All heavy atoms as atom14 arrays in JSON, in Angstrom:
{
  "sequence": "QKKDPKAATYKRDKKDYMVQWPSLTYDQIIALSQTKELREYNDSGYI",
  "atom14_mask": [
    [1, 1, 1, 1, 1, 1, 1, 1, 1, 0, 0, 0, 0, 0],
    [1, 1, 1, 1, 1, 1, 1, 1, 1, 0, 0, 0, 0, 0],
    [1, 1, 1, 1, 1, 1, 1, 1, 1, 0, 0, 0, 0, 0],
    [1, 1, 1, 1, 1, 1, 1, 1, 0, 0, 0, 0, 0, 0],
    [1, 1, 1, 1, 1, 1, 1, 0, 0, 0, 0, 0, 0, 0],
    [1, 1, 1, 1, 1, 1, 1, 1, 1, 0, 0, 0, 0, 0],
    [1, 1, 1, 1, 1, 0, 0, 0, 0, 0, 0, 0, 0, 0],
    [1, 1, 1, 1, 1, 0, 0, 0, 0, 0, 0, 0, 0, 0],
    [1, 1, 1, 1, 1, 1, 1, 0, 0, 0, 0, 0, 0, 0],
    [1, 1, 1, 1, 1, 1, 1, 1, 1, 1, 1, 1, 0, 0],
    [1, 1, 1, 1, 1, 1, 1, 1, 1, 0, 0, 0, 0, 0],
    [1, 1, 1, 1, 1, 1, 1, 1, 1, 1, 1, 0, 0, 0],
    [1, 1, 1, 1, 1, 1, 1, 1, 0, 0, 0, 0, 0, 0],
    [1, 1, 1, 1, 1, 1, 1, 1, 1, 0, 0, 0, 0, 0],
    [1, 1, 1, 1, 1, 1, 1, 1, 1, 0, 0, 0, 0, 0],
    [1, 1, 1, 1, 1, 1, 1, 1, 0, 0, 0, 0, 0, 0],
    [1, 1, 1, 1, 1, 1, 1, 1, 1, 1, 1, 1, 0, 0],
    [1, 1, 1, 1, 1, 1, 1, 1, 0, 0, 0, 0, 0, 0],
    [1, 1, 1, 1, 1, 1, 1, 0, 0, 0, 0, 0, 0, 0],
    [1, 1, 1, 1, 1, 1, 1, 1, 1, 0, 0, 0, 0, 0],
    [1, 1, 1, 1, 1, 1, 1, 1, 1, 1, 1, 1, 1, 1],
    [1, 1, 1, 1, 1, 1, 1, 0, 0, 0, 0, 0, 0, 0],
    [1, 1, 1, 1, 1, 1, 0, 0, 0, 0, 0, 0, 0, 0],
    [1, 1, 1, 1, 1, 1, 1, 1, 0, 0, 0, 0, 0, 0],
    [1, 1, 1, 1, 1, 1, 1, 0, 0, 0, 0, 0, 0, 0],
    [1, 1, 1, 1, 1, 1, 1, 1, 1, 1, 1, 1, 0, 0],
    [1, 1, 1, 1, 1, 1, 1, 1, 0, 0, 0, 0, 0, 0],
    [1, 1, 1, 1, 1, 1, 1, 1, 1, 0, 0, 0, 0, 0],
    [1, 1, 1, 1, 1, 1, 1, 1, 0, 0, 0, 0, 0, 0],
    [1, 1, 1, 1, 1, 1, 1, 1, 0, 0, 0, 0, 0, 0],
    [1, 1, 1, 1, 1, 0, 0, 0, 0, 0, 0, 0, 0, 0],
    [1, 1, 1, 1, 1, 1, 1, 1, 0, 0, 0, 0, 0, 0],
    [1, 1, 1, 1, 1, 1, 0, 0, 0, 0, 0, 0, 0, 0],
    [1, 1, 1, 1, 1, 1, 1, 1, 1, 0, 0, 0, 0, 0],
    [1, 1, 1, 1, 1, 1, 1, 0, 0, 0, 0, 0, 0, 0],
    [1, 1, 1, 1, 1, 1, 1, 1, 1, 0, 0, 0, 0, 0],
    [1, 1, 1, 1, 1, 1, 1, 1, 1, 0, 0, 0, 0, 0],
    [1, 1, 1, 1, 1, 1, 1, 1, 0, 0, 0, 0, 0, 0],
    [1, 1, 1, 1, 1, 1, 1, 1, 1, 1, 1, 0, 0, 0],
    [1, 1, 1, 1, 1, 1, 1, 1, 1, 0, 0, 0, 0, 0],
    [1, 1, 1, 1, 1, 1, 1, 1, 1, 1, 1, 1, 0, 0],
    [1, 1, 1, 1, 1, 1, 1, 1, 0, 0, 0, 0, 0, 0],
    [1, 1, 1, 1, 1, 1, 1, 1, 0, 0, 0, 0, 0, 0],
    [1, 1, 1, 1, 1, 1, 0, 0, 0, 0, 0, 0, 0, 0],
    [1, 1, 1, 1, 0, 0, 0, 0, 0, 0, 0, 0, 0, 0],
    [1, 1, 1, 1, 1, 1, 1, 1, 1, 1, 1, 1, 0, 0],
    [1, 1, 1, 1, 1, 1, 1, 1, 0, 0, 0, 0, 0, 0]
  ],
  "atom14_positions": [
    [[152.97, -135.57, 52.81], [154.11, -136.48, 52.86], [155.39, -135.81, 52.38], [156.48, -136.06, 52.89], [153.81, -137.72, 52.02], [152.72, -138.61, 52.62], [152.34, -139.76, 51.7], [153.0, -140.02, 50.7], [151.28, -140.48, 52.05], [0.0, 0.0, 0.0], [0.0, 0.0, 0.0], [0.0, 0.0, 0.0], [0.0, 0.0, 0.0], [0.0, 0.0, 0.0]],
    [[155.27, -134.95, 51.39], [156.44, -134.24, 50.84], [156.8, -133.01, 51.67], [157.75, -132.29, 51.36], [156.16, -133.82, 49.41], [156.02, -134.98, 48.44], [155.71, -134.48, 47.05], [155.54, -135.64, 46.07], [155.22, -135.15, 44.7], [0.0, 0.0, 0.0], [0.0, 0.0, 0.0], [0.0, 0.0, 0.0], [0.0, 0.0, 0.0], [0.0, 0.0, 0.0]],
    [[155.99, -132.73, 52.7], [156.19, -131.57, 53.56], [156.16, -130.27, 52.77], [156.97, -129.36, 53.0], [157.49, -131.71, 54.34], [157.48, -132.89, 55.3], [158.74, -132.94, 56.15], [158.68, -134.12, 57.12], [159.9, -134.19, 57.97], [0.0, 0.0, 0.0], [0.0, 0.0, 0.0], [0.0, 0.0, 0.0], [0.0, 0.0, 0.0], [0.0, 0.0, 0.0]],
    [[155.23, -130.21, 51.85], [155.03, -128.99, 51.05], [154.59, -127.87, 51.99], [153.7, -128.06, 52.83], [153.93, -129.25, 50.01], [153.8, -128.1, 49.01], [153.79, -126.94, 49.44], [153.68, -128.39, 47.81], [0.0, 0.0, 0.0], [0.0, 0.0, 0.0], [0.0, 0.0, 0.0], [0.0, 0.0, 0.0], [0.0, 0.0, 0.0], [0.0, 0.0, 0.0]],
    [[155.2, -126.68, 51.91], [154.83, -125.56, 52.79], [153.34, -125.22, 52.74], [152.77, -124.76, 53.73], [155.68, -124.4, 52.24], [156.86, -125.06, 51.63], [156.34, -126.33, 51.02], [0.0, 0.0, 0.0], [0.0, 0.0, 0.0], [0.0, 0.0, 0.0], [0.0, 0.0, 0.0], [0.0, 0.0, 0.0], [0.0, 0.0, 0.0], [0.0, 0.0, 0.0]],
    [[152.71, -125.46, 51.58], [151.28, -125.17, 51.45], [150.43, -126.14, 52.26], [149.25, -125.88, 52.49], [150.86, -125.21, 49.98], [151.47, -124.1, 49.14], [150.98, -124.18, 47.71], [151.56, -123.05, 46.87], [151.1, -123.11, 45.46], [0.0, 0.0, 0.0], [0.0, 0.0, 0.0], [0.0, 0.0, 0.0], [0.0, 0.0, 0.0], [0.0, 0.0, 0.0]],
    [[151.02, -127.25, 52.68], [150.28, -128.25, 53.47], [150.73, -128.23, 54.93], [150.5, -129.19, 55.67], [150.48, -129.64, 52.88], [0.0, 0.0, 0.0], [0.0, 0.0, 0.0], [0.0, 0.0, 0.0], [0.0, 0.0, 0.0], [0.0, 0.0, 0.0], [0.0, 0.0, 0.0], [0.0, 0.0, 0.0], [0.0, 0.0, 0.0], [0.0, 0.0, 0.0]],
    [[151.36, -127.14, 55.35], [151.84, -127.03, 56.72], [150.69, -126.99, 57.72], [149.56, -126.62, 57.38], [152.69, -125.76, 56.86], [0.0, 0.0, 0.0], [0.0, 0.0, 0.0], [0.0, 0.0, 0.0], [0.0, 0.0, 0.0], [0.0, 0.0, 0.0], [0.0, 0.0, 0.0], [0.0, 0.0, 0.0], [0.0, 0.0, 0.0], [0.0, 0.0, 0.0]],
    [[150.95, -127.41, 58.94], [149.93, -127.44, 59.99], [150.42, -126.67, 61.21], [151.61, -126.37, 61.35], [149.6, -128.87, 60.42], [150.78, -129.5, 60.95], [149.1, -129.7, 59.23], [0.0, 0.0, 0.0], [0.0, 0.0, 0.0], [0.0, 0.0, 0.0], [0.0, 0.0, 0.0], [0.0, 0.0, 0.0], [0.0, 0.0, 0.0], [0.0, 0.0, 0.0]],
    [[149.47, -126.35, 62.1], [149.82, -125.73, 63.37], [148.98, -126.38, 64.47], [147.9, -126.91, 64.21], [149.59, -124.21, 63.34], [148.13, -123.81, 63.33], [147.48, -123.44, 64.51], [147.39, -123.82, 62.14], [146.15, -123.07, 64.5], [146.06, -123.46, 62.13], [145.44, -123.09, 63.31], [144.12, -122.73, 63.31], [0.0, 0.0, 0.0], [0.0, 0.0, 0.0]],
    [[149.47, -126.36, 65.67], [148.81, -127.05, 66.79], [147.83, -126.11, 67.49], [148.15, -124.98, 67.81], [149.86, -127.53, 67.77], [149.3, -128.4, 68.91], [148.99, -129.8, 68.43], [150.26, -130.58, 68.15], [149.97, -132.01, 67.79], [0.0, 0.0, 0.0], [0.0, 0.0, 0.0], [0.0, 0.0, 0.0], [0.0, 0.0, 0.0], [0.0, 0.0, 0.0]],
    [[146.6, -126.61, 67.71], [145.61, -125.86, 68.47], [144.69, -126.85, 69.15], [144.14, -127.75, 68.52], [144.78, -124.95, 67.56], [143.9, -123.96, 68.34], [143.08, -123.12, 67.39], [141.9, -123.85, 66.93], [141.19, -123.56, 65.85], [141.58, -122.56, 65.06], [140.13, -124.24, 65.52], [0.0, 0.0, 0.0], [0.0, 0.0, 0.0], [0.0, 0.0, 0.0]],
    [[144.53, -126.71, 70.47], [143.68, -127.62, 71.25], [144.05, -129.07, 71.01], [143.19, -129.95, 70.82], [142.21, -127.39, 70.91], [141.74, -126.0, 71.23], [142.26, -125.42, 72.19], [140.85, -125.49, 70.51], [0.0, 0.0, 0.0], [0.0, 0.0, 0.0], [0.0, 0.0, 0.0], [0.0, 0.0, 0.0], [0.0, 0.0, 0.0], [0.0, 0.0, 0.0]],
    [[145.36, -129.33, 70.95], [145.9, -130.68, 70.77], [145.56, -131.3, 69.42], [145.64, -132.52, 69.24], [145.41, -131.61, 71.9], [145.86, -131.17, 73.29], [145.39, -132.13, 74.36], [145.86, -131.7, 75.73], [145.41, -132.64, 76.81], [0.0, 0.0, 0.0], [0.0, 0.0, 0.0], [0.0, 0.0, 0.0], [0.0, 0.0, 0.0], [0.0, 0.0, 0.0]],
    [[145.16, -130.46, 68.45], [144.88, -130.94, 67.1], [145.74, -130.18, 66.1], [146.11, -129.03, 66.33], [143.4, -130.74, 66.75], [142.44, -131.64, 67.52], [141.01, -131.42, 67.03], [140.04, -132.33, 67.77], [138.64, -132.13, 67.27], [0.0, 0.0, 0.0], [0.0, 0.0, 0.0], [0.0, 0.0, 0.0], [0.0, 0.0, 0.0], [0.0, 0.0, 0.0]],
    [[146.04, -130.83, 64.99], [146.84, -130.2, 63.93], [145.92, -129.62, 62.87], [145.26, -130.36, 62.13], [147.77, -131.23, 63.29], [148.87, -131.68, 64.25], [149.36, -130.82, 65.01], [149.22, -132.87, 64.26], [0.0, 0.0, 0.0], [0.0, 0.0, 0.0], [0.0, 0.0, 0.0], [0.0, 0.0, 0.0], [0.0, 0.0, 0.0], [0.0, 0.0, 0.0]],
    [[145.88, -128.29, 62.8], [145.06, -127.61, 61.8], [145.94, -127.14, 60.65], [147.13, -126.89, 60.81], [144.36, -126.4, 62.43], [143.22, -126.78, 63.35], [143.45, -127.07, 64.68], [141.91, -126.85, 62.88], [142.41, -127.43, 65.53], [140.86, -127.2, 63.71], [141.12, -127.49, 65.03], [140.08, -127.86, 65.85], [0.0, 0.0, 0.0], [0.0, 0.0, 0.0]],
    [[145.32, -127.03, 59.46], [146.05, -126.6, 58.27], [146.29, -125.09, 58.31], [145.38, -124.32, 58.61], [145.26, -126.96, 57.01], [144.82, -128.41, 56.92], [146.2, -129.59, 56.92], [147.04, -129.16, 55.4], [0.0, 0.0, 0.0], [0.0, 0.0, 0.0], [0.0, 0.0, 0.0], [0.0, 0.0, 0.0], [0.0, 0.0, 0.0], [0.0, 0.0, 0.0]],
    [[147.51, -124.66, 58.03], [147.84, -123.24, 58.03], [147.04, -122.51, 56.94], [146.55, -121.39, 57.17], [149.35, -123.04, 57.8], [149.67, -121.55, 57.6], [150.14, -123.6, 58.98], [0.0, 0.0, 0.0], [0.0, 0.0, 0.0], [0.0, 0.0, 0.0], [0.0, 0.0, 0.0], [0.0, 0.0, 0.0], [0.0, 0.0, 0.0], [0.0, 0.0, 0.0]],
    [[146.92, -123.12, 55.77], [146.2, -122.48, 54.67], [144.69, -122.46, 54.9], [143.98, -121.62, 54.36], [146.5, -123.21, 53.36], [147.93, -123.07, 52.86], [148.2, -121.66, 52.32], [147.31, -120.97, 51.85], [149.46, -121.24, 52.4], [0.0, 0.0, 0.0], [0.0, 0.0, 0.0], [0.0, 0.0, 0.0], [0.0, 0.0, 0.0], [0.0, 0.0, 0.0]],
    [[144.18, -123.4, 55.72], [142.74, -123.5, 56.01], [142.6, -123.66, 57.52], [142.38, -124.77, 58.03], [142.14, -124.71, 55.27], [142.39, -124.61, 53.79], [141.68, -123.89, 52.89], [143.46, -125.23, 53.07], [142.24, -124.02, 51.64], [143.33, -124.84, 51.71], [144.52, -126.08, 53.41], [144.21, -125.26, 50.73], [145.41, -126.5, 52.43], [145.25, -126.09, 51.1]],
    [[142.75, -122.56, 58.27], [142.92, -122.58, 59.72], [141.82, -123.27, 60.53], [142.07, -123.67, 61.66], [142.99, -121.07, 60.07], [143.45, -120.42, 58.81], [142.82, -121.2, 57.7], [0.0, 0.0, 0.0], [0.0, 0.0, 0.0], [0.0, 0.0, 0.0], [0.0, 0.0, 0.0], [0.0, 0.0, 0.0], [0.0, 0.0, 0.0], [0.0, 0.0, 0.0]],
    [[140.63, -123.38, 59.98], [139.55, -124.0, 60.76], [139.4, -125.49, 60.49], [138.53, -126.14, 61.07], [138.22, -123.3, 60.44], [137.88, -123.49, 59.07], [0.0, 0.0, 0.0], [0.0, 0.0, 0.0], [0.0, 0.0, 0.0], [0.0, 0.0, 0.0], [0.0, 0.0, 0.0], [0.0, 0.0, 0.0], [0.0, 0.0, 0.0], [0.0, 0.0, 0.0]],
    [[140.25, -126.05, 59.63], [140.12, -127.44, 59.22], [141.38, -128.26, 59.51], [142.5, -127.77, 59.38], [139.82, -127.53, 57.72], [138.51, -126.9, 57.24], [138.47, -126.89, 55.72], [137.32, -127.66, 57.81], [0.0, 0.0, 0.0], [0.0, 0.0, 0.0], [0.0, 0.0, 0.0], [0.0, 0.0, 0.0], [0.0, 0.0, 0.0], [0.0, 0.0, 0.0]],
    [[141.17, -129.51, 59.89], [142.29, -130.43, 60.05], [142.47, -131.2, 58.75], [141.59, -131.2, 57.88], [142.02, -131.44, 61.18], [140.92, -132.29, 60.8], [141.66, -130.73, 62.48], [0.0, 0.0, 0.0], [0.0, 0.0, 0.0], [0.0, 0.0, 0.0], [0.0, 0.0, 0.0], [0.0, 0.0, 0.0], [0.0, 0.0, 0.0], [0.0, 0.0, 0.0]],
    [[143.58, -131.88, 58.63], [143.85, -132.71, 57.45], [142.76, -133.76, 57.28], [142.23, -133.96, 56.17], [145.22, -133.38, 57.61], [145.48, -134.51, 56.65], [145.93, -134.26, 55.37], [145.27, -135.83, 57.05], [146.17, -135.3, 54.48], [145.51, -136.88, 56.17], [145.96, -136.61, 54.89], [146.17, -137.64, 54.02], [0.0, 0.0, 0.0], [0.0, 0.0, 0.0]],
    [[142.41, -134.44, 58.35], [141.39, -135.5, 58.28], [140.04, -134.96, 57.82], [139.31, -135.62, 57.07], [141.22, -136.18, 59.65], [142.44, -137.02, 60.02], [143.18, -137.42, 59.09], [142.64, -137.28, 61.21], [0.0, 0.0, 0.0], [0.0, 0.0, 0.0], [0.0, 0.0, 0.0], [0.0, 0.0, 0.0], [0.0, 0.0, 0.0], [0.0, 0.0, 0.0]],
    [[139.67, -133.76, 58.28], [138.39, -133.17, 57.88], [138.36, -132.86, 56.39], [137.35, -133.09, 55.72], [138.12, -131.91, 58.7], [137.8, -132.18, 60.16], [137.74, -130.91, 60.98], [138.39, -129.9, 60.66], [136.96, -130.93, 62.06], [0.0, 0.0, 0.0], [0.0, 0.0, 0.0], [0.0, 0.0, 0.0], [0.0, 0.0, 0.0], [0.0, 0.0, 0.0]],
    [[139.46, -132.33, 55.87], [139.52, -132.0, 54.44], [139.45, -133.27, 53.59], [138.72, -133.33, 52.59], [140.79, -131.21, 54.12], [140.73, -129.83, 54.79], [140.96, -131.05, 52.61], [141.99, -129.0, 54.61], [0.0, 0.0, 0.0], [0.0, 0.0, 0.0], [0.0, 0.0, 0.0], [0.0, 0.0, 0.0], [0.0, 0.0, 0.0], [0.0, 0.0, 0.0]],
    [[140.17, -134.3, 53.99], [140.15, -135.56, 53.24], [138.76, -136.18, 53.26], [138.24, -136.64, 52.23], [141.18, -136.56, 53.82], [142.6, -136.04, 53.6], [141.0, -137.93, 53.19], [143.0, -135.88, 52.15], [0.0, 0.0, 0.0], [0.0, 0.0, 0.0], [0.0, 0.0, 0.0], [0.0, 0.0, 0.0], [0.0, 0.0, 0.0], [0.0, 0.0, 0.0]],
    [[138.12, -136.18, 54.44], [136.78, -136.76, 54.56], [135.78, -136.02, 53.68], [134.92, -136.62, 53.03], [136.33, -136.75, 56.02], [0.0, 0.0, 0.0], [0.0, 0.0, 0.0], [0.0, 0.0, 0.0], [0.0, 0.0, 0.0], [0.0, 0.0, 0.0], [0.0, 0.0, 0.0], [0.0, 0.0, 0.0], [0.0, 0.0, 0.0], [0.0, 0.0, 0.0]],
    [[135.89, -134.7, 53.66], [134.98, -133.89, 52.86], [135.16, -134.16, 51.37], [134.19, -134.31, 50.63], [135.21, -132.4, 53.15], [134.33, -131.41, 52.39], [132.86, -131.63, 52.74], [134.74, -129.99, 52.74], [0.0, 0.0, 0.0], [0.0, 0.0, 0.0], [0.0, 0.0, 0.0], [0.0, 0.0, 0.0], [0.0, 0.0, 0.0], [0.0, 0.0, 0.0]],
    [[136.4, -134.26, 50.93], [136.66, -134.46, 49.51], [136.22, -135.84, 49.02], [136.07, -136.05, 47.82], [138.16, -134.28, 49.22], [138.93, -135.29, 49.85], [0.0, 0.0, 0.0], [0.0, 0.0, 0.0], [0.0, 0.0, 0.0], [0.0, 0.0, 0.0], [0.0, 0.0, 0.0], [0.0, 0.0, 0.0], [0.0, 0.0, 0.0], [0.0, 0.0, 0.0]],
    [[136.0, -136.77, 49.95], [135.62, -138.13, 49.57], [134.11, -138.37, 49.6], [133.66, -139.47, 49.27], [136.32, -139.14, 50.49], [137.83, -139.19, 50.28], [138.53, -140.13, 51.23], [137.96, -140.57, 52.24], [139.78, -140.45, 50.94], [0.0, 0.0, 0.0], [0.0, 0.0, 0.0], [0.0, 0.0, 0.0], [0.0, 0.0, 0.0], [0.0, 0.0, 0.0]],
    [[133.34, -137.36, 49.98], [131.89, -137.56, 50.02], [131.33, -137.68, 48.61], [131.74, -136.97, 47.69], [131.19, -136.38, 50.73], [131.5, -135.17, 50.05], [131.63, -136.27, 52.18], [0.0, 0.0, 0.0], [0.0, 0.0, 0.0], [0.0, 0.0, 0.0], [0.0, 0.0, 0.0], [0.0, 0.0, 0.0], [0.0, 0.0, 0.0], [0.0, 0.0, 0.0]],
    [[130.39, -138.57, 48.44], [129.79, -138.84, 47.13], [129.12, -137.6, 46.57], [129.25, -137.28, 45.38], [128.77, -139.96, 47.25], [128.05, -140.28, 45.95], [127.02, -141.37, 46.17], [126.25, -141.64, 44.87], [125.21, -142.66, 45.06], [0.0, 0.0, 0.0], [0.0, 0.0, 0.0], [0.0, 0.0, 0.0], [0.0, 0.0, 0.0], [0.0, 0.0, 0.0]],
    [[128.39, -136.86, 47.43], [127.65, -135.69, 46.96], [128.57, -134.65, 46.34], [128.28, -134.09, 45.28], [126.87, -135.06, 48.12], [125.69, -135.88, 48.62], [126.11, -137.0, 49.56], [127.31, -137.07, 49.89], [125.26, -137.8, 49.95], [0.0, 0.0, 0.0], [0.0, 0.0, 0.0], [0.0, 0.0, 0.0], [0.0, 0.0, 0.0], [0.0, 0.0, 0.0]],
    [[129.72, -134.39, 46.96], [130.62, -133.37, 46.45], [131.34, -133.84, 45.19], [131.6, -133.05, 44.29], [131.62, -132.97, 47.53], [131.03, -132.17, 48.7], [132.1, -131.85, 49.71], [130.4, -130.89, 48.2], [0.0, 0.0, 0.0], [0.0, 0.0, 0.0], [0.0, 0.0, 0.0], [0.0, 0.0, 0.0], [0.0, 0.0, 0.0], [0.0, 0.0, 0.0]],
    [[131.65, -135.11, 45.09], [132.3, -135.62, 43.88], [131.38, -135.5, 42.68], [131.83, -135.33, 41.55], [132.72, -137.09, 44.07], [133.87, -137.28, 45.06], [134.57, -138.61, 44.81], [133.64, -139.73, 44.84], [133.33, -140.42, 45.92], [133.84, -140.06, 47.08], [132.49, -141.43, 45.86], [0.0, 0.0, 0.0], [0.0, 0.0, 0.0], [0.0, 0.0, 0.0]],
    [[130.07, -135.58, 42.92], [129.12, -135.5, 41.81], [129.1, -134.11, 41.17], [128.81, -133.97, 39.98], [127.71, -135.84, 42.3], [127.53, -137.33, 42.62], [126.14, -137.63, 43.15], [125.42, -136.67, 43.46], [125.79, -138.81, 43.24], [0.0, 0.0, 0.0], [0.0, 0.0, 0.0], [0.0, 0.0, 0.0], [0.0, 0.0, 0.0], [0.0, 0.0, 0.0]],
    [[129.42, -133.07, 41.94], [129.38, -131.72, 41.4], [130.5, -131.48, 40.38], [130.31, -130.79, 39.39], [129.44, -130.69, 42.52], [128.2, -130.64, 43.36], [128.22, -130.94, 44.71], [126.97, -130.33, 42.78], [127.06, -130.91, 45.46], [125.8, -130.3, 43.53], [125.86, -130.6, 44.88], [124.71, -130.57, 45.62], [0.0, 0.0, 0.0], [0.0, 0.0, 0.0]],
    [[131.66, -132.03, 40.66], [132.78, -131.85, 39.72], [132.79, -133.0, 38.73], [133.38, -134.05, 38.96], [134.1, -131.8, 40.49], [135.28, -131.52, 39.57], [135.12, -131.4, 38.35], [136.47, -131.41, 40.14], [0.0, 0.0, 0.0], [0.0, 0.0, 0.0], [0.0, 0.0, 0.0], [0.0, 0.0, 0.0], [0.0, 0.0, 0.0], [0.0, 0.0, 0.0]],
    [[132.11, -132.79, 37.6], [132.05, -133.83, 36.58], [133.06, -133.58, 35.47], [133.03, -134.21, 34.41], [130.64, -133.94, 35.99], [130.11, -132.59, 35.52], [130.91, -131.63, 35.46], [128.91, -132.5, 35.22], [0.0, 0.0, 0.0], [0.0, 0.0, 0.0], [0.0, 0.0, 0.0], [0.0, 0.0, 0.0], [0.0, 0.0, 0.0], [0.0, 0.0, 0.0]],
    [[133.99, -132.64, 35.72], [134.98, -132.3, 34.71], [136.21, -133.21, 34.79], [136.91, -133.43, 33.82], [135.43, -130.85, 34.86], [136.23, -130.69, 36.03], [0.0, 0.0, 0.0], [0.0, 0.0, 0.0], [0.0, 0.0, 0.0], [0.0, 0.0, 0.0], [0.0, 0.0, 0.0], [0.0, 0.0, 0.0], [0.0, 0.0, 0.0], [0.0, 0.0, 0.0]],
    [[136.47, -133.71, 35.99], [137.66, -134.53, 36.19], [138.91, -133.72, 36.43], [140.01, -134.27, 36.54], [0.0, 0.0, 0.0], [0.0, 0.0, 0.0], [0.0, 0.0, 0.0], [0.0, 0.0, 0.0], [0.0, 0.0, 0.0], [0.0, 0.0, 0.0], [0.0, 0.0, 0.0], [0.0, 0.0, 0.0], [0.0, 0.0, 0.0], [0.0, 0.0, 0.0]],
    [[138.78, -132.39, 36.5], [139.94, -131.53, 36.67], [139.78, -130.64, 37.91], [138.67, -130.39, 38.38], [140.13, -130.62, 35.44], [140.34, -131.38, 34.15], [139.28, -131.6, 33.28], [141.6, -131.88, 33.82], [139.46, -132.31, 32.09], [141.8, -132.58, 32.64], [140.73, -132.8, 31.78], [140.92, -133.5, 30.61], [0.0, 0.0, 0.0], [0.0, 0.0, 0.0]],
    [[140.92, -130.18, 38.42], [140.93, -129.2, 39.49], [141.94, -128.13, 39.13], [142.88, -128.4, 38.36], [141.26, -129.83, 40.85], [142.66, -130.46, 40.82], [140.23, -130.82, 41.28], [143.16, -130.84, 42.18], [0.0, 0.0, 0.0], [0.0, 0.0, 0.0], [0.0, 0.0, 0.0], [0.0, 0.0, 0.0], [0.0, 0.0, 0.0], [0.0, 0.0, 0.0]]
  ]
}
């Protein structure tokens, strides 16, 4: 939303992929971070 350069995207096959993570779209990263299994691994509360 803030258009941070680190969150920039590029167009490929009519989809917007993240420049910093070229094989992933924004939606894929958000969906992955919200899975219960992955949240259980980080029990520190910090990133």
